Amino acid sequence: MIHVTRLNGAEFVLNAELIREVEATPDTIITLITGEKLMVREPVDEVVAAVLEYRKQIQPGMFIERTTDT
């Protein structure tokens, strides 16, 4: 589950497992697997980061952090 904000400022929790795609048009639109579309205040990168963080919490060890040597 991730926390997002509707354009009217109302916060809600979304089941990240239902997300099919996230796009910027310029508002962020989240399309669910049901076909429902939700417009949220968070930018695309923030929604993607929230989904990745959610997945890390429910499936620890599945994601490997990449590091770069400088």
Protein backbone atom coordinates (compact mmCIF):
# COMPACT_ATOMS: atom_id res chain seq x y z
CA MET A 1 0.00 0.00 0.00
CA ILE A 2 1.26 3.48 -0.83
CA HIS A 3 0.09 6.92 0.30
CA VAL A 4 -0.90 9.37 -2.45
CA THR A 5 -2.81 12.65 -2.65
CA ARG A 6 -5.74 13.53 -4.91
CA LEU A 7 -5.63 16.89 -6.70
CA ASN A 8 -8.14 18.24 -4.16
CA GLY A 9 -5.67 17.51 -1.32
CA ALA A 10 -7.39 14.39 0.02
CA GLU A 11 -4.86 11.72 0.97
CA PHE A 12 -5.57 8.05 0.46
CA VAL A 13 -3.83 4.69 0.50
CA LEU A 14 -3.61 2.78 -2.77
CA ASN A 15 -2.93 -0.92 -3.21
CA ALA A 16 0.29 -0.83 -5.22
CA GLU A 17 -0.45 -4.30 -6.59
CA LEU A 18 -3.30 -2.81 -8.64
CA ILE A 19 -1.14 -0.30 -10.55
CA ARG A 20 -0.77 -1.02 -14.27
CA GLU A 21 0.97 2.21 -15.30
CA VAL A 22 1.89 5.69 -14.12
CA GLU A 23 2.18 8.62 -16.53
CA ALA A 24 2.68 12.38 -16.46
CA THR A 25 0.34 14.40 -18.70
CA PRO A 26 1.48 16.87 -16.92
CA ASP A 27 -0.59 15.71 -13.94
CA THR A 28 0.32 12.26 -12.69
CA ILE A 29 -2.23 9.66 -13.76
CA ILE A 30 -2.20 6.21 -12.23
CA THR A 31 -4.02 3.57 -14.27
CA LEU A 32 -5.13 0.52 -12.34
CA ILE A 33 -5.46 -3.01 -13.71
CA THR A 34 -9.24 -2.46 -13.59
CA GLY A 35 -8.89 0.42 -16.08
CA GLU A 36 -9.75 3.06 -13.46
CA LYS A 37 -7.60 6.19 -13.70
CA LEU A 38 -6.57 8.26 -10.69
CA MET A 39 -5.00 11.73 -10.83
CA VAL A 40 -2.59 12.45 -7.98
CA ARG A 41 -0.36 15.32 -6.86
CA GLU A 42 2.81 13.28 -6.49
CA PRO A 43 5.18 13.28 -9.47
CA VAL A 44 5.72 10.01 -11.38
CA ASP A 45 9.17 9.44 -9.85
CA GLU A 46 7.73 9.74 -6.32
CA VAL A 47 4.97 7.22 -7.07
CA VAL A 48 7.48 4.78 -8.57
CA ALA A 49 9.79 5.20 -5.55
CA ALA A 50 6.86 4.54 -3.18
CA VAL A 51 5.94 1.36 -5.08
CA LEU A 52 9.55 0.14 -5.01
CA GLU A 53 9.79 0.85 -1.27
CA TYR A 54 6.53 -1.02 -0.70
CA ARG A 55 7.84 -4.02 -2.64
CA LYS A 56 11.11 -3.98 -0.69
CA GLN A 57 9.11 -4.19 2.53
CA ILE A 58 6.95 -7.13 1.46
CA GLN A 59 9.71 -9.03 -0.36
CA PRO A 60 13.00 -8.30 1.42
CA GLY A 61 16.11 -9.42 -0.41
CA MET A 62 14.45 -9.30 -3.82
CA PHE A 63 15.91 -5.93 -4.80
CA ILE A 64 19.62 -5.22 -5.00
CA GLU A 65 20.78 -1.64 -4.44
CA ARG A 66 23.12 -0.45 -7.19
CA THR A 67 26.11 1.64 -6.26
CA THR A 68 28.52 3.54 -8.43
CA ASP A 69 32.20 4.00 -7.68
CA THR A 70 33.58 7.47 -8.26
